[in-house]
Amino acid sequence: LCQAQLLQSLRFYLKAYCCGVASYSFMGNHVHYVVHFEAPRKLSSAELWERALAINPGGEIKLKNWSKRHWKRFQERIFDVSEFMRNLQSAFGKWYNETFQRKGRFWGERFKSTLLADGEAVREAVLYVDLNGFRAGLVARPEEYKHSSAYLREQGRDEWLLPPERFMDHNGKSDSKKLYREYKALLYYRGE
């Protein structure tokens, strides 16, 4: 129940923020994400409106009353990992407290982030995240852990995740199936 809600919240905020998820793993007491944020750029009014509506459904009246300052701030926010995580953690914490009739903070501490400098670092981080359930002894094979991107990729339900060519060496080729097989071989190699 909780992992499904966390995944739903993650996908909800991806509609507004200028980023994509390469991998994720929801564990019993923590979560891991590898998220790629686009470089900040000026968005058109139409794209800003669409992204603002994505996280304010039914909020047309509210958005019509936004000043230029509001829109400028929103433009900055949607390229900011701290804002993304604040929204994601806040939404999940609120849901959890309402669902389980509790009060107070859900998350024990502020999230931690690491800037990944190059493609190799991104690939290693993706592999690390996708091996979490396996290394914790929860499954016999990494792609069997249902609360991970490895599971979704194996099931063919990964259309919303960043494709393998975003984190695998591909020398200009974009054969996603071949890259996925190479990724899976690396996943098994790292998991030994």
N, C-alpha and C. Protein backbone atom coordinates (compact mmCIF):
# COMPACT_ATOMS: atom_id res chain seq x y z
N LEU A 1 0.84 -1.21 0.00
CA LEU A 1 0.00 0.00 0.00
C LEU A 1 0.87 1.25 0.00
N CYS A 2 1.83 1.32 0.91
CA CYS A 2 2.67 2.51 1.03
C CYS A 2 3.56 2.69 -0.19
N GLN A 3 4.15 1.59 -0.68
CA GLN A 3 5.03 1.70 -1.85
C GLN A 3 4.23 2.14 -3.08
N ALA A 4 3.01 1.63 -3.21
CA ALA A 4 2.18 2.02 -4.35
C ALA A 4 1.85 3.52 -4.27
N GLN A 5 1.56 4.02 -3.09
CA GLN A 5 1.26 5.43 -2.93
C GLN A 5 2.49 6.29 -3.21
N LEU A 6 3.65 5.84 -2.75
CA LEU A 6 4.88 6.58 -2.99
C LEU A 6 5.19 6.64 -4.48
N LEU A 7 4.99 5.54 -5.17
CA LEU A 7 5.20 5.51 -6.62
C LEU A 7 4.21 6.45 -7.31
N GLN A 8 2.96 6.43 -6.87
CA GLN A 8 1.95 7.32 -7.45
C GLN A 8 2.34 8.78 -7.23
N SER A 9 2.81 9.11 -6.03
CA SER A 9 3.23 10.49 -5.74
C SER A 9 4.42 10.89 -6.60
N LEU A 10 5.38 9.99 -6.75
CA LEU A 10 6.55 10.25 -7.58
C LEU A 10 6.12 10.57 -9.01
N ARG A 11 5.28 9.75 -9.57
CA ARG A 11 4.83 9.95 -10.95
C ARG A 11 4.00 11.22 -11.09
N PHE A 12 3.25 11.56 -10.05
CA PHE A 12 2.46 12.79 -10.06
C PHE A 12 3.36 14.02 -10.20
N TYR A 13 4.41 14.09 -9.39
CA TYR A 13 5.29 15.26 -9.43
C TYR A 13 6.20 15.29 -10.64
N LEU A 14 6.45 14.15 -11.25
CA LEU A 14 7.23 14.15 -12.48
C LEU A 14 6.53 14.89 -13.61
N LYS A 15 5.20 15.01 -13.52
CA LYS A 15 4.44 15.73 -14.55
C LYS A 15 4.75 17.22 -14.53
N ALA A 16 5.14 17.74 -13.39
CA ALA A 16 5.38 19.18 -13.27
C ALA A 16 6.86 19.53 -13.33
N TYR A 17 7.69 18.72 -12.73
CA TYR A 17 9.11 19.05 -12.63
C TYR A 17 9.85 18.62 -13.90
N CYS A 18 10.88 19.35 -14.24
CA CYS A 18 11.67 19.09 -15.44
C CYS A 18 12.76 18.08 -15.13
N CYS A 19 12.33 16.85 -14.94
CA CYS A 19 13.26 15.79 -14.57
C CYS A 19 12.69 14.44 -14.99
N GLY A 20 13.53 13.43 -14.88
CA GLY A 20 13.12 12.06 -15.16
C GLY A 20 13.83 11.12 -14.21
N VAL A 21 13.24 9.95 -14.00
CA VAL A 21 13.79 8.97 -13.07
C VAL A 21 14.48 7.86 -13.85
N ALA A 22 15.75 7.63 -13.50
CA ALA A 22 16.50 6.52 -14.12
C ALA A 22 16.29 5.24 -13.33
N SER A 23 16.22 5.35 -12.00
CA SER A 23 15.96 4.17 -11.17
C SER A 23 15.42 4.60 -9.81
N TYR A 24 14.75 3.65 -9.17
CA TYR A 24 14.25 3.87 -7.82
C TYR A 24 14.17 2.53 -7.11
N SER A 25 14.18 2.59 -5.79
CA SER A 25 13.97 1.41 -4.97
C SER A 25 13.36 1.86 -3.65
N PHE A 26 12.19 1.32 -3.33
CA PHE A 26 11.52 1.63 -2.07
C PHE A 26 11.78 0.50 -1.10
N MET A 27 12.53 0.79 -0.07
CA MET A 27 12.86 -0.20 0.94
C MET A 27 11.95 0.00 2.16
N GLY A 28 12.07 -0.83 3.15
CA GLY A 28 11.21 -0.74 4.33
C GLY A 28 11.38 0.53 5.12
N ASN A 29 12.61 1.06 5.19
CA ASN A 29 12.82 2.25 6.01
C ASN A 29 13.54 3.38 5.26
N HIS A 30 13.69 3.26 3.95
CA HIS A 30 14.29 4.33 3.17
C HIS A 30 13.98 4.12 1.69
N VAL A 31 14.25 5.15 0.92
CA VAL A 31 14.05 5.08 -0.53
C VAL A 31 15.30 5.60 -1.23
N HIS A 32 15.49 5.14 -2.45
CA HIS A 32 16.58 5.62 -3.31
C HIS A 32 15.97 6.02 -4.65
N TYR A 33 16.47 7.12 -5.18
CA TYR A 33 16.10 7.56 -6.53
C TYR A 33 17.36 7.99 -7.25
N VAL A 34 17.42 7.75 -8.53
CA VAL A 34 18.40 8.39 -9.40
C VAL A 34 17.55 9.23 -10.35
N VAL A 35 17.65 10.54 -10.17
CA VAL A 35 16.81 11.48 -10.91
C VAL A 35 17.70 12.40 -11.73
N HIS A 36 17.33 12.59 -12.97
CA HIS A 36 18.05 13.51 -13.85
C HIS A 36 17.21 14.77 -14.03
N PHE A 37 17.75 15.92 -13.61
CA PHE A 37 17.09 17.20 -13.83
C PHE A 37 17.65 17.85 -15.09
N GLU A 38 16.76 18.40 -15.89
CA GLU A 38 17.19 19.16 -17.06
C GLU A 38 17.88 20.43 -16.59
N ALA A 39 18.75 20.96 -17.44
CA ALA A 39 19.37 22.25 -17.15
C ALA A 39 18.26 23.31 -17.19
N PRO A 40 18.29 24.27 -16.28
CA PRO A 40 17.26 25.31 -16.30
C PRO A 40 17.20 26.01 -17.66
N ARG A 41 15.99 26.23 -18.11
CA ARG A 41 15.75 26.92 -19.37
C ARG A 41 14.44 27.68 -19.25
N LYS A 42 14.24 28.61 -20.13
CA LYS A 42 13.00 29.39 -20.15
C LYS A 42 11.92 28.55 -20.80
N LEU A 43 10.81 28.37 -20.09
CA LEU A 43 9.68 27.61 -20.64
C LEU A 43 8.65 28.58 -21.20
N SER A 44 7.92 28.11 -22.19
CA SER A 44 6.84 28.94 -22.75
C SER A 44 5.72 29.07 -21.72
N SER A 45 4.90 30.06 -21.89
CA SER A 45 3.75 30.25 -21.00
C SER A 45 2.84 29.03 -21.02
N ALA A 46 2.66 28.44 -22.20
CA ALA A 46 1.79 27.27 -22.33
C ALA A 46 2.36 26.08 -21.55
N GLU A 47 3.69 25.87 -21.65
CA GLU A 47 4.29 24.75 -20.92
C GLU A 47 4.25 24.99 -19.42
N LEU A 48 4.50 26.22 -19.00
CA LEU A 48 4.40 26.53 -17.57
C LEU A 48 2.99 26.28 -17.06
N TRP A 49 2.00 26.72 -17.81
CA TRP A 49 0.60 26.54 -17.44
C TRP A 49 0.27 25.05 -17.31
N GLU A 50 0.71 24.26 -18.30
CA GLU A 50 0.45 22.81 -18.29
C GLU A 50 1.09 22.14 -17.07
N ARG A 51 2.33 22.52 -16.76
CA ARG A 51 3.03 21.93 -15.62
C ARG A 51 2.41 22.38 -14.30
N ALA A 52 1.98 23.63 -14.21
CA ALA A 52 1.32 24.13 -13.00
C ALA A 52 -0.01 23.43 -12.79
N LEU A 53 -0.76 23.22 -13.85
CA LEU A 53 -2.03 22.51 -13.74
C LEU A 53 -1.84 21.06 -13.33
N ALA A 54 -0.71 20.46 -13.74
CA ALA A 54 -0.45 19.05 -13.41
C ALA A 54 -0.40 18.83 -11.91
N ILE A 55 0.10 19.81 -11.16
CA ILE A 55 0.17 19.63 -9.71
C ILE A 55 -0.87 20.47 -8.96
N ASN A 56 -1.72 21.18 -9.72
CA ASN A 56 -2.84 21.92 -9.14
C ASN A 56 -4.11 21.58 -9.91
N PRO A 57 -4.51 20.29 -9.95
CA PRO A 57 -5.68 19.94 -10.75
C PRO A 57 -6.90 20.73 -10.28
N GLY A 58 -7.62 21.27 -11.25
CA GLY A 58 -8.80 22.06 -10.91
C GLY A 58 -8.45 23.44 -10.38
N GLY A 59 -7.19 23.83 -10.49
CA GLY A 59 -6.75 25.10 -9.93
C GLY A 59 -6.66 26.23 -10.94
N GLU A 60 -7.44 26.17 -12.02
CA GLU A 60 -7.36 27.19 -13.06
C GLU A 60 -7.58 28.59 -12.50
N ILE A 61 -8.57 28.74 -11.62
CA ILE A 61 -8.88 30.07 -11.06
C ILE A 61 -7.70 30.58 -10.25
N LYS A 62 -7.15 29.71 -9.43
CA LYS A 62 -5.98 30.10 -8.62
C LYS A 62 -4.81 30.50 -9.52
N LEU A 63 -4.55 29.71 -10.55
CA LEU A 63 -3.43 29.99 -11.45
C LEU A 63 -3.64 31.28 -12.24
N LYS A 64 -4.86 31.58 -12.60
CA LYS A 64 -5.15 32.82 -13.34
C LYS A 64 -4.84 34.04 -12.49
N ASN A 65 -4.84 33.87 -11.19
CA ASN A 65 -4.56 34.99 -10.29
C ASN A 65 -3.08 35.10 -9.92
N TRP A 66 -2.26 34.20 -10.44
CA TRP A 66 -0.82 34.27 -10.15
C TRP A 66 -0.23 35.51 -10.81
N SER A 67 0.64 36.18 -10.08
CA SER A 67 1.35 37.34 -10.61
C SER A 67 2.58 36.87 -11.39
N LYS A 68 3.26 37.81 -12.03
CA LYS A 68 4.50 37.48 -12.74
C LYS A 68 5.52 36.90 -11.77
N ARG A 69 5.51 37.38 -10.54
CA ARG A 69 6.43 36.87 -9.51
C ARG A 69 6.15 35.40 -9.21
N HIS A 70 4.84 35.03 -9.12
CA HIS A 70 4.47 33.63 -8.89
C HIS A 70 4.98 32.74 -10.02
N TRP A 71 4.77 33.20 -11.26
CA TRP A 71 5.19 32.40 -12.41
C TRP A 71 6.71 32.28 -12.48
N LYS A 72 7.40 33.36 -12.15
CA LYS A 72 8.87 33.32 -12.14
C LYS A 72 9.36 32.33 -11.10
N ARG A 73 8.76 32.36 -9.92
CA ARG A 73 9.15 31.43 -8.86
C ARG A 73 8.85 29.98 -9.26
N PHE A 74 7.68 29.75 -9.86
CA PHE A 74 7.33 28.40 -10.32
C PHE A 74 8.34 27.92 -11.36
N GLN A 75 8.71 28.78 -12.31
CA GLN A 75 9.70 28.46 -13.35
C GLN A 75 11.00 28.00 -12.70
N GLU A 76 11.43 28.64 -11.62
CA GLU A 76 12.66 28.26 -10.92
C GLU A 76 12.49 26.95 -10.17
N ARG A 77 11.35 26.79 -9.51
CA ARG A 77 11.09 25.60 -8.69
C ARG A 77 11.15 24.31 -9.47
N ILE A 78 10.63 24.31 -10.68
CA ILE A 78 10.48 23.04 -11.40
C ILE A 78 11.80 22.50 -11.96
N PHE A 79 12.89 23.23 -11.71
CA PHE A 79 14.23 22.75 -12.05
C PHE A 79 15.06 22.49 -10.80
N ASP A 80 14.41 22.42 -9.65
CA ASP A 80 15.12 22.36 -8.37
C ASP A 80 14.83 21.05 -7.65
N VAL A 81 15.88 20.24 -7.43
CA VAL A 81 15.71 18.93 -6.78
C VAL A 81 15.18 19.08 -5.35
N SER A 82 15.59 20.12 -4.64
CA SER A 82 15.10 20.31 -3.26
C SER A 82 13.60 20.56 -3.24
N GLU A 83 13.11 21.35 -4.18
CA GLU A 83 11.67 21.62 -4.27
C GLU A 83 10.91 20.34 -4.64
N PHE A 84 11.47 19.58 -5.57
CA PHE A 84 10.86 18.32 -5.98
C PHE A 84 10.72 17.38 -4.78
N MET A 85 11.81 17.21 -4.04
CA MET A 85 11.79 16.31 -2.89
C MET A 85 10.88 16.85 -1.77
N ARG A 86 10.86 18.16 -1.57
CA ARG A 86 9.98 18.74 -0.56
C ARG A 86 8.52 18.41 -0.88
N ASN A 87 8.13 18.61 -2.15
CA ASN A 87 6.76 18.29 -2.55
C ASN A 87 6.45 16.81 -2.41
N LEU A 88 7.36 15.97 -2.90
CA LEU A 88 7.16 14.52 -2.87
C LEU A 88 7.06 14.01 -1.43
N GLN A 89 8.00 14.40 -0.59
CA GLN A 89 7.99 13.94 0.79
C GLN A 89 6.79 14.49 1.56
N SER A 90 6.44 15.73 1.32
CA SER A 90 5.30 16.34 2.00
C SER A 90 4.00 15.63 1.62
N ALA A 91 3.82 15.39 0.34
CA ALA A 91 2.59 14.73 -0.13
C ALA A 91 2.47 13.32 0.45
N PHE A 92 3.57 12.57 0.42
CA PHE A 92 3.52 11.21 0.95
C PHE A 92 3.30 11.23 2.46
N GLY A 93 4.00 12.10 3.17
CA GLY A 93 3.83 12.21 4.62
C GLY A 93 2.40 12.55 5.01
N LYS A 94 1.80 13.47 4.27
CA LYS A 94 0.40 13.85 4.53
C LYS A 94 -0.53 12.65 4.29
N TRP A 95 -0.32 11.95 3.18
CA TRP A 95 -1.13 10.77 2.88
C TRP A 95 -0.98 9.73 3.99
N TYR A 96 0.25 9.46 4.39
CA TYR A 96 0.51 8.45 5.40
C TYR A 96 -0.17 8.82 6.72
N ASN A 97 -0.03 10.06 7.15
CA ASN A 97 -0.63 10.49 8.41
C ASN A 97 -2.15 10.39 8.36
N GLU A 98 -2.76 10.79 7.24
CA GLU A 98 -4.21 10.69 7.12
C GLU A 98 -4.66 9.22 7.07
N THR A 99 -3.95 8.39 6.35
CA THR A 99 -4.32 6.99 6.19
C THR A 99 -4.21 6.22 7.50
N PHE A 100 -3.18 6.51 8.27
CA PHE A 100 -2.93 5.75 9.49
C PHE A 100 -3.21 6.55 10.77
N GLN A 101 -4.02 7.60 10.64
CA GLN A 101 -4.45 8.44 11.77
C GLN A 101 -3.29 8.76 12.72
N ARG A 102 -2.28 9.38 12.18
CA ARG A 102 -1.15 9.79 13.00
C ARG A 102 -0.82 11.24 12.71
N LYS A 103 0.02 11.82 13.54
CA LYS A 103 0.43 13.21 13.38
C LYS A 103 1.95 13.30 13.43
N GLY A 104 2.45 14.40 12.94
CA GLY A 104 3.89 14.64 13.02
C GLY A 104 4.61 14.33 11.73
N ARG A 105 5.90 14.50 11.79
CA ARG A 105 6.74 14.28 10.62
C ARG A 105 6.83 12.79 10.30
N PHE A 106 6.82 12.50 9.02
CA PHE A 106 6.98 11.12 8.59
C PHE A 106 8.45 10.79 8.39
N TRP A 107 9.17 11.67 7.69
CA TRP A 107 10.56 11.44 7.32
C TRP A 107 11.46 11.80 8.50
N GLY A 108 12.40 10.94 8.80
CA GLY A 108 13.28 11.13 9.94
C GLY A 108 14.25 12.28 9.77
N GLU A 109 14.67 12.52 8.54
CA GLU A 109 15.64 13.59 8.30
C GLU A 109 15.50 14.08 6.87
N ARG A 110 16.17 15.16 6.57
CA ARG A 110 16.16 15.74 5.24
C ARG A 110 16.78 14.74 4.26
N PHE A 111 16.34 14.78 3.03
CA PHE A 111 16.90 13.88 2.02
C PHE A 111 18.35 14.26 1.76
N LYS A 112 19.08 13.29 1.24
CA LYS A 112 20.47 13.53 0.85
C LYS A 112 20.57 13.37 -0.66
N SER A 113 21.35 14.24 -1.26
CA SER A 113 21.53 14.13 -2.71
C SER A 113 23.01 14.20 -3.05
N THR A 114 23.35 13.57 -4.16
CA THR A 114 24.71 13.55 -4.65
C THR A 114 24.69 13.88 -6.13
N LEU A 115 25.51 14.81 -6.53
CA LEU A 115 25.63 15.15 -7.94
C LEU A 115 26.51 14.10 -8.61
N LEU A 116 25.97 13.47 -9.64
CA LEU A 116 26.72 12.44 -10.36
C LEU A 116 27.40 13.10 -11.55
N ALA A 117 28.71 13.06 -11.57
CA ALA A 117 29.50 13.87 -12.48
C ALA A 117 29.52 13.40 -13.94
N ASP A 118 29.39 12.11 -14.17
CA ASP A 118 29.50 11.63 -15.54
C ASP A 118 28.63 10.40 -15.74
N GLY A 119 28.62 9.91 -16.99
CA GLY A 119 27.79 8.76 -17.33
C GLY A 119 28.11 7.50 -16.55
N GLU A 120 29.39 7.29 -16.26
CA GLU A 120 29.78 6.10 -15.49
C GLU A 120 29.22 6.18 -14.07
N ALA A 121 29.27 7.35 -13.47
CA ALA A 121 28.74 7.53 -12.11
C ALA A 121 27.23 7.31 -12.10
N VAL A 122 26.55 7.78 -13.12
CA VAL A 122 25.09 7.58 -13.21
C VAL A 122 24.79 6.09 -13.33
N ARG A 123 25.49 5.41 -14.23
CA ARG A 123 25.27 3.97 -14.42
C ARG A 123 25.50 3.20 -13.11
N GLU A 124 26.57 3.52 -12.41
CA GLU A 124 26.87 2.84 -11.15
C GLU A 124 25.79 3.12 -10.10
N ALA A 125 25.28 4.33 -10.07
CA ALA A 125 24.21 4.67 -9.12
C ALA A 125 22.93 3.92 -9.45
N VAL A 126 22.60 3.82 -10.73
CA VAL A 126 21.41 3.08 -11.17
C VAL A 126 21.54 1.62 -10.75
N LEU A 127 22.69 1.03 -10.99
CA LEU A 127 22.91 -0.37 -10.61
C LEU A 127 22.81 -0.53 -9.09
N TYR A 128 23.41 0.35 -8.35
CA TYR A 128 23.35 0.29 -6.88
C TYR A 128 21.89 0.33 -6.39
N VAL A 129 21.13 1.26 -6.93
CA VAL A 129 19.72 1.40 -6.50
C VAL A 129 18.93 0.16 -6.86
N ASP A 130 19.10 -0.34 -8.08
CA ASP A 130 18.32 -1.51 -8.51
C ASP A 130 18.73 -2.80 -7.80
N LEU A 131 19.87 -2.81 -7.14
CA LEU A 131 20.31 -4.00 -6.40
C LEU A 131 19.87 -3.98 -4.92
N ASN A 132 19.22 -2.92 -4.47
CA ASN A 132 18.87 -2.80 -3.05
C ASN A 132 18.06 -3.96 -2.51
N GLY A 133 16.98 -4.32 -3.16
CA GLY A 133 16.13 -5.42 -2.67
C GLY A 133 16.86 -6.75 -2.66
N PHE A 134 17.65 -6.98 -3.70
CA PHE A 134 18.43 -8.21 -3.80
C PHE A 134 19.49 -8.27 -2.69
N ARG A 135 20.24 -7.21 -2.53
CA ARG A 135 21.31 -7.19 -1.52
C ARG A 135 20.76 -7.27 -0.09
N ALA A 136 19.51 -6.84 0.08
CA ALA A 136 18.89 -6.94 1.40
C ALA A 136 18.36 -8.35 1.65
N GLY A 137 18.48 -9.24 0.66
CA GLY A 137 18.03 -10.62 0.82
C GLY A 137 16.53 -10.79 0.69
N LEU A 138 15.85 -9.82 0.07
CA LEU A 138 14.39 -9.89 -0.06
C LEU A 138 13.93 -10.69 -1.27
N VAL A 139 14.82 -10.85 -2.24
CA VAL A 139 14.49 -11.58 -3.47
C VAL A 139 15.70 -12.37 -3.94
N ALA A 140 15.46 -13.35 -4.81
CA ALA A 140 16.56 -14.17 -5.34
C ALA A 140 17.24 -13.50 -6.53
N ARG A 141 16.52 -12.64 -7.25
CA ARG A 141 17.07 -11.93 -8.41
C ARG A 141 16.65 -10.47 -8.34
N PRO A 142 17.50 -9.54 -8.75
CA PRO A 142 17.20 -8.11 -8.61
C PRO A 142 15.87 -7.69 -9.23
N GLU A 143 15.54 -8.24 -10.39
CA GLU A 143 14.31 -7.81 -11.07
C GLU A 143 13.05 -8.38 -10.42
N GLU A 144 13.18 -9.19 -9.39
CA GLU A 144 12.01 -9.72 -8.68
C GLU A 144 11.52 -8.77 -7.58
N TYR A 145 12.32 -7.77 -7.22
CA TYR A 145 11.91 -6.85 -6.15
C TYR A 145 10.87 -5.88 -6.70
N LYS A 146 9.62 -6.07 -6.31
CA LYS A 146 8.48 -5.36 -6.90
C LYS A 146 8.49 -3.85 -6.68
N HIS A 147 9.29 -3.37 -5.76
CA HIS A 147 9.28 -1.94 -5.45
C HIS A 147 10.53 -1.26 -6.00
N SER A 148 10.88 -1.66 -7.23
CA SER A 148 12.08 -1.09 -7.85
C SER A 148 11.88 -0.90 -9.35
N SER A 149 12.73 -0.06 -9.91
CA SER A 149 12.69 0.16 -11.35
C SER A 149 13.14 -1.09 -12.11
N ALA A 150 14.00 -1.91 -11.51
CA ALA A 150 14.44 -3.15 -12.16
C ALA A 150 13.22 -4.05 -12.43
N TYR A 151 12.31 -4.10 -11.49
CA TYR A 151 11.09 -4.90 -11.65
C TYR A 151 10.24 -4.35 -12.81
N LEU A 152 10.03 -3.03 -12.83
CA LEU A 152 9.22 -2.44 -13.90
C LEU A 152 9.86 -2.65 -15.27
N ARG A 153 11.17 -2.51 -15.33
CA ARG A 153 11.84 -2.73 -16.62
C ARG A 153 11.65 -4.17 -17.10
N GLU A 154 11.77 -5.12 -16.18
CA GLU A 154 11.60 -6.53 -16.53
C GLU A 154 10.17 -6.82 -16.98
N GLN A 155 9.20 -6.13 -16.38
CA GLN A 155 7.79 -6.31 -16.72
C GLN A 155 7.39 -5.56 -17.99
N GLY A 156 8.28 -4.71 -18.49
CA GLY A 156 7.93 -3.90 -19.66
C GLY A 156 7.00 -2.76 -19.31
N ARG A 157 6.99 -2.34 -18.06
CA ARG A 157 6.11 -1.25 -17.60
C ARG A 157 6.96 -0.02 -17.23
N ASP A 158 8.02 0.20 -17.97
CA ASP A 158 8.99 1.24 -17.66
C ASP A 158 8.92 2.44 -18.59
N GLU A 159 7.79 2.61 -19.30
CA GLU A 159 7.71 3.68 -20.30
C GLU A 159 7.91 5.07 -19.72
N TRP A 160 7.67 5.23 -18.45
CA TRP A 160 7.82 6.55 -17.81
C TRP A 160 9.22 6.76 -17.23
N LEU A 161 10.02 5.70 -17.18
CA LEU A 161 11.40 5.82 -16.69
C LEU A 161 12.32 6.29 -17.82
N LEU A 162 13.46 6.86 -17.45
CA LEU A 162 14.43 7.21 -18.47
C LEU A 162 14.92 5.92 -19.14
N PRO A 163 15.05 5.91 -20.45
CA PRO A 163 15.46 4.69 -21.15
C PRO A 163 16.93 4.35 -20.89
N PRO A 164 17.31 3.09 -21.10
CA PRO A 164 18.69 2.66 -20.83
C PRO A 164 19.75 3.49 -21.54
N GLU A 165 19.42 4.03 -22.72
CA GLU A 165 20.44 4.82 -23.42
C GLU A 165 20.82 6.09 -22.67
N ARG A 166 20.04 6.45 -21.65
CA ARG A 166 20.37 7.63 -20.83
C ARG A 166 21.44 7.32 -19.78
N PHE A 167 21.65 6.03 -19.48
CA PHE A 167 22.66 5.71 -18.45
C PHE A 167 23.60 4.57 -18.84
N MET A 168 23.45 4.04 -20.02
CA MET A 168 24.35 2.98 -20.51
C MET A 168 25.19 3.52 -21.66
N ASP A 169 26.44 3.06 -21.75
CA ASP A 169 27.28 3.42 -22.90
C ASP A 169 26.65 2.80 -24.14
N HIS A 170 26.41 3.62 -25.16
CA HIS A 170 25.76 3.06 -26.35
C HIS A 170 26.42 3.51 -27.65
N ASN A 171 27.48 4.28 -27.57
CA ASN A 171 28.25 4.67 -28.76
C ASN A 171 27.36 5.13 -29.92
N GLY A 172 26.37 5.95 -29.61
CA GLY A 172 25.51 6.49 -30.65
C GLY A 172 24.38 5.58 -31.09
N LYS A 173 24.38 4.34 -30.66
CA LYS A 173 23.32 3.41 -31.04
C LYS A 173 22.20 3.51 -30.00
N SER A 174 20.99 3.33 -30.45
CA SER A 174 19.88 3.45 -29.51
C SER A 174 18.95 2.24 -29.56
N ASP A 175 19.51 1.06 -29.54
CA ASP A 175 18.73 -0.17 -29.49
C ASP A 175 18.41 -0.45 -28.02
N SER A 176 17.25 -0.01 -27.57
CA SER A 176 16.88 -0.11 -26.15
C SER A 176 16.89 -1.54 -25.64
N LYS A 177 16.43 -2.48 -26.46
CA LYS A 177 16.39 -3.88 -26.00
C LYS A 177 17.79 -4.42 -25.76
N LYS A 178 18.71 -4.10 -26.68
CA LYS A 178 20.10 -4.55 -26.52
C LYS A 178 20.72 -3.88 -25.29
N LEU A 179 20.49 -2.59 -25.13
CA LEU A 179 21.03 -1.88 -23.97
C LEU A 179 20.44 -2.41 -22.67
N TYR A 180 19.17 -2.79 -22.70
CA TYR A 180 18.57 -3.36 -21.50
C TYR A 180 19.24 -4.70 -21.16
N ARG A 181 19.51 -5.53 -22.16
CA ARG A 181 20.19 -6.81 -21.91
C ARG A 181 21.59 -6.56 -21.32
N GLU A 182 22.30 -5.57 -21.85
CA GLU A 182 23.62 -5.23 -21.31
C GLU A 182 23.49 -4.73 -19.87
N TYR A 183 22.48 -3.90 -19.62
CA TYR A 183 22.24 -3.39 -18.27
C TYR A 183 21.95 -4.55 -17.31
N LYS A 184 21.11 -5.48 -17.73
CA LYS A 184 20.74 -6.61 -16.88
C LYS A 184 21.96 -7.49 -16.59
N ALA A 185 22.82 -7.67 -17.59
CA ALA A 185 24.06 -8.45 -17.37
C ALA A 185 24.94 -7.75 -16.33
N LEU A 186 25.05 -6.43 -16.43
CA LEU A 186 25.82 -5.66 -15.43
C LEU A 186 25.18 -5.77 -14.05
N LEU A 187 23.87 -5.76 -14.02
CA LEU A 187 23.15 -5.86 -12.75
C LEU A 187 23.48 -7.19 -12.06
N TYR A 188 23.50 -8.26 -12.82
CA TYR A 188 23.83 -9.56 -12.26
C TYR A 188 25.30 -9.64 -11.85
N TYR A 189 26.15 -9.04 -12.68
CA TYR A 189 27.58 -9.03 -12.37
C TYR A 189 27.84 -8.29 -11.06
N ARG A 190 27.22 -7.11 -10.88
CA ARG A 190 27.41 -6.33 -9.65
C ARG A 190 26.77 -7.01 -8.44
N GLY A 191 25.74 -7.78 -8.69
CA GLY A 191 25.02 -8.41 -7.60
C GLY A 191 25.69 -9.66 -7.06
N GLU A 192 26.73 -10.15 -7.72
CA GLU A 192 27.40 -11.37 -7.25
C GLU A 192 28.05 -11.17 -5.90
